[in-house]
Amino acid sequence: MTHGREIIAMFKEQEYNKETLVQAIIEKYGENERFYTCSEENLTASGLVDFFIRMNKFTPTNNGFKVNTCACETK
């Protein structure tokens, strides 16, 4: 499993909307990879993006997402 902060780091490389971000996650980590965060686990790529939107980590804009700072600590 991969921590969700790795996905947030992807935004340093490129701007994404929901569909292109899910596809980029699948291309990088594989369709069967599952993700976890400080409060959730066993999330699919799409589930992780939905979680980040719900938790206000990603704010949708007209051109994609604005990333809000991740407060979780590296363990």
N, C-alpha and C. Protein backbone atom coordinates (compact mmCIF):
# COMPACT_ATOMS: atom_id res chain seq x y z
N MET A 1 0.84 -1.18 0.00
CA MET A 1 0.00 0.00 0.00
C MET A 1 0.89 1.25 0.00
N THR A 2 0.37 2.28 -0.61
CA THR A 2 1.08 3.55 -0.75
C THR A 2 0.35 4.63 0.04
N HIS A 3 1.10 5.47 0.73
CA HIS A 3 0.48 6.56 1.50
C HIS A 3 -0.01 7.65 0.54
N GLY A 4 -1.13 8.22 0.86
CA GLY A 4 -1.73 9.26 0.04
C GLY A 4 -0.86 10.48 -0.19
N ARG A 5 0.08 10.75 0.72
CA ARG A 5 0.95 11.93 0.53
C ARG A 5 1.78 11.81 -0.74
N GLU A 6 2.02 10.58 -1.20
CA GLU A 6 2.74 10.38 -2.46
C GLU A 6 1.95 10.95 -3.63
N ILE A 7 0.65 10.86 -3.55
CA ILE A 7 -0.21 11.38 -4.62
C ILE A 7 -0.21 12.91 -4.59
N ILE A 8 -0.26 13.47 -3.40
CA ILE A 8 -0.20 14.93 -3.29
C ILE A 8 1.09 15.44 -3.92
N ALA A 9 2.18 14.71 -3.74
CA ALA A 9 3.47 15.12 -4.30
C ALA A 9 3.46 15.13 -5.82
N MET A 10 2.57 14.35 -6.44
CA MET A 10 2.48 14.32 -7.90
C MET A 10 2.12 15.69 -8.48
N PHE A 11 1.47 16.53 -7.70
CA PHE A 11 1.05 17.84 -8.19
C PHE A 11 2.22 18.77 -8.45
N LYS A 12 3.38 18.44 -7.95
CA LYS A 12 4.55 19.27 -8.21
C LYS A 12 4.97 19.12 -9.67
N GLU A 13 4.56 18.04 -10.32
CA GLU A 13 4.95 17.75 -11.68
C GLU A 13 3.97 18.25 -12.73
N GLN A 14 2.68 18.25 -12.41
CA GLN A 14 1.67 18.50 -13.43
C GLN A 14 0.35 18.86 -12.77
N GLU A 15 -0.51 19.61 -13.49
CA GLU A 15 -1.85 19.90 -13.02
C GLU A 15 -2.80 18.80 -13.51
N TYR A 16 -3.71 18.39 -12.67
CA TYR A 16 -4.64 17.32 -13.00
C TYR A 16 -6.07 17.75 -12.71
N ASN A 17 -7.02 17.13 -13.42
CA ASN A 17 -8.40 17.14 -12.99
C ASN A 17 -8.66 15.74 -12.43
N LYS A 18 -9.86 15.46 -11.97
CA LYS A 18 -10.12 14.17 -11.32
C LYS A 18 -9.80 12.99 -12.23
N GLU A 19 -10.27 13.03 -13.46
CA GLU A 19 -10.08 11.89 -14.37
C GLU A 19 -8.61 11.68 -14.72
N THR A 20 -7.90 12.77 -15.01
CA THR A 20 -6.49 12.61 -15.39
C THR A 20 -5.63 12.22 -14.19
N LEU A 21 -6.02 12.65 -12.99
CA LEU A 21 -5.27 12.26 -11.80
C LEU A 21 -5.45 10.77 -11.51
N VAL A 22 -6.68 10.29 -11.56
CA VAL A 22 -6.93 8.86 -11.33
C VAL A 22 -6.14 8.03 -12.35
N GLN A 23 -6.17 8.44 -13.61
CA GLN A 23 -5.44 7.71 -14.65
C GLN A 23 -3.93 7.74 -14.39
N ALA A 24 -3.40 8.89 -13.99
CA ALA A 24 -1.96 9.00 -13.70
C ALA A 24 -1.57 8.12 -12.51
N ILE A 25 -2.43 8.06 -11.51
CA ILE A 25 -2.16 7.20 -10.35
C ILE A 25 -2.11 5.74 -10.79
N ILE A 26 -3.08 5.33 -11.58
CA ILE A 26 -3.13 3.94 -12.06
C ILE A 26 -1.91 3.63 -12.93
N GLU A 27 -1.53 4.56 -13.79
CA GLU A 27 -0.36 4.33 -14.64
C GLU A 27 0.92 4.20 -13.82
N LYS A 28 1.04 4.99 -12.76
CA LYS A 28 2.26 4.97 -11.95
C LYS A 28 2.30 3.80 -10.97
N TYR A 29 1.17 3.49 -10.34
CA TYR A 29 1.15 2.50 -9.25
C TYR A 29 0.47 1.18 -9.61
N GLY A 30 -0.27 1.16 -10.72
CA GLY A 30 -0.99 -0.05 -11.12
C GLY A 30 -2.43 -0.03 -10.64
N GLU A 31 -3.27 -0.71 -11.38
CA GLU A 31 -4.71 -0.70 -11.11
C GLU A 31 -5.06 -1.36 -9.78
N ASN A 32 -4.24 -2.32 -9.34
CA ASN A 32 -4.56 -3.05 -8.12
C ASN A 32 -3.97 -2.44 -6.85
N GLU A 33 -3.19 -1.37 -6.99
CA GLU A 33 -2.58 -0.73 -5.81
C GLU A 33 -3.66 -0.13 -4.93
N ARG A 34 -3.48 -0.23 -3.64
CA ARG A 34 -4.38 0.38 -2.67
C ARG A 34 -3.59 1.42 -1.89
N PHE A 35 -4.32 2.41 -1.38
CA PHE A 35 -3.71 3.56 -0.74
C PHE A 35 -4.26 3.73 0.67
N TYR A 36 -3.47 4.39 1.50
CA TYR A 36 -3.92 4.68 2.85
C TYR A 36 -3.56 6.11 3.20
N THR A 37 -4.23 6.63 4.20
CA THR A 37 -3.96 7.97 4.72
C THR A 37 -3.88 7.84 6.23
N CYS A 38 -3.80 8.96 6.91
CA CYS A 38 -3.75 8.93 8.37
C CYS A 38 -5.06 8.41 8.97
N SER A 39 -6.15 8.46 8.20
CA SER A 39 -7.44 8.05 8.76
C SER A 39 -8.20 7.01 7.93
N GLU A 40 -7.71 6.65 6.76
CA GLU A 40 -8.39 5.68 5.89
C GLU A 40 -7.37 4.70 5.34
N GLU A 41 -7.86 3.52 4.92
CA GLU A 41 -6.97 2.57 4.27
C GLU A 41 -7.73 1.75 3.25
N ASN A 42 -6.98 1.04 2.42
CA ASN A 42 -7.53 0.17 1.38
C ASN A 42 -8.36 0.95 0.35
N LEU A 43 -7.89 2.15 -0.01
CA LEU A 43 -8.58 2.98 -0.99
C LEU A 43 -8.06 2.70 -2.39
N THR A 44 -8.96 2.68 -3.36
CA THR A 44 -8.55 2.63 -4.76
C THR A 44 -8.06 4.01 -5.16
N ALA A 45 -7.52 4.14 -6.36
CA ALA A 45 -7.07 5.45 -6.85
C ALA A 45 -8.24 6.44 -6.85
N SER A 46 -9.37 6.03 -7.39
CA SER A 46 -10.54 6.90 -7.43
C SER A 46 -11.05 7.20 -6.03
N GLY A 47 -11.04 6.20 -5.17
CA GLY A 47 -11.48 6.39 -3.79
C GLY A 47 -10.58 7.37 -3.04
N LEU A 48 -9.28 7.31 -3.31
CA LEU A 48 -8.34 8.22 -2.67
C LEU A 48 -8.60 9.66 -3.11
N VAL A 49 -8.80 9.87 -4.41
CA VAL A 49 -9.08 11.21 -4.91
C VAL A 49 -10.39 11.73 -4.30
N ASP A 50 -11.42 10.90 -4.26
CA ASP A 50 -12.69 11.30 -3.64
C ASP A 50 -12.49 11.64 -2.17
N PHE A 51 -11.69 10.85 -1.47
CA PHE A 51 -11.39 11.11 -0.06
C PHE A 51 -10.73 12.48 0.09
N PHE A 52 -9.72 12.76 -0.75
CA PHE A 52 -9.03 14.05 -0.66
C PHE A 52 -9.98 15.21 -0.92
N ILE A 53 -10.90 15.04 -1.84
CA ILE A 53 -11.88 16.10 -2.12
C ILE A 53 -12.77 16.29 -0.90
N ARG A 54 -13.28 15.20 -0.33
CA ARG A 54 -14.14 15.27 0.86
C ARG A 54 -13.43 15.93 2.04
N MET A 55 -12.15 15.63 2.19
CA MET A 55 -11.37 16.14 3.32
C MET A 55 -10.76 17.51 3.03
N ASN A 56 -11.12 18.10 1.90
CA ASN A 56 -10.65 19.44 1.51
C ASN A 56 -9.14 19.50 1.30
N LYS A 57 -8.55 18.38 0.90
CA LYS A 57 -7.12 18.37 0.52
C LYS A 57 -6.96 18.83 -0.91
N PHE A 58 -7.95 18.50 -1.75
CA PHE A 58 -7.99 18.96 -3.13
C PHE A 58 -9.24 19.80 -3.28
N THR A 59 -9.08 20.99 -3.82
CA THR A 59 -10.23 21.84 -4.11
C THR A 59 -10.37 21.93 -5.62
N PRO A 60 -11.49 21.46 -6.16
CA PRO A 60 -11.67 21.55 -7.61
C PRO A 60 -11.69 23.00 -8.09
N THR A 61 -11.08 23.26 -9.24
CA THR A 61 -11.10 24.57 -9.89
C THR A 61 -11.57 24.35 -11.32
N ASN A 62 -11.65 25.41 -12.10
CA ASN A 62 -12.05 25.27 -13.51
C ASN A 62 -11.03 24.47 -14.31
N ASN A 63 -9.76 24.51 -13.92
CA ASN A 63 -8.70 23.84 -14.68
C ASN A 63 -8.20 22.55 -14.05
N GLY A 64 -8.73 22.16 -12.93
CA GLY A 64 -8.23 20.95 -12.26
C GLY A 64 -8.43 21.04 -10.77
N PHE A 65 -7.35 20.87 -10.01
CA PHE A 65 -7.41 20.92 -8.57
C PHE A 65 -6.41 21.92 -8.02
N LYS A 66 -6.79 22.54 -6.93
CA LYS A 66 -5.86 23.28 -6.10
C LYS A 66 -5.54 22.34 -4.94
N VAL A 67 -4.27 22.18 -4.61
CA VAL A 67 -3.87 21.28 -3.53
C VAL A 67 -3.74 22.08 -2.25
N ASN A 68 -4.40 21.60 -1.21
CA ASN A 68 -4.26 22.18 0.12
C ASN A 68 -3.23 21.38 0.88
N THR A 69 -2.49 21.99 1.74
CA THR A 69 -1.38 21.35 2.45
C THR A 69 -1.84 20.12 3.22
N CYS A 70 -1.05 19.08 3.13
CA CYS A 70 -1.30 17.85 3.88
C CYS A 70 -0.68 18.01 5.26
N ALA A 71 -1.48 17.79 6.30
CA ALA A 71 -1.02 17.98 7.67
C ALA A 71 -0.45 16.71 8.29
N CYS A 72 -0.53 15.60 7.58
CA CYS A 72 -0.04 14.35 8.18
C CYS A 72 1.48 14.36 8.25
N GLU A 73 2.00 13.66 9.23
CA GLU A 73 3.43 13.60 9.44
C GLU A 73 4.00 12.31 8.86
N THR A 74 5.22 12.35 8.43
CA THR A 74 5.91 11.16 7.96
C THR A 74 6.24 10.30 9.17
N LYS A 75 5.93 9.03 9.07
CA LYS A 75 6.20 8.12 10.19
C LYS A 75 7.40 7.28 9.91
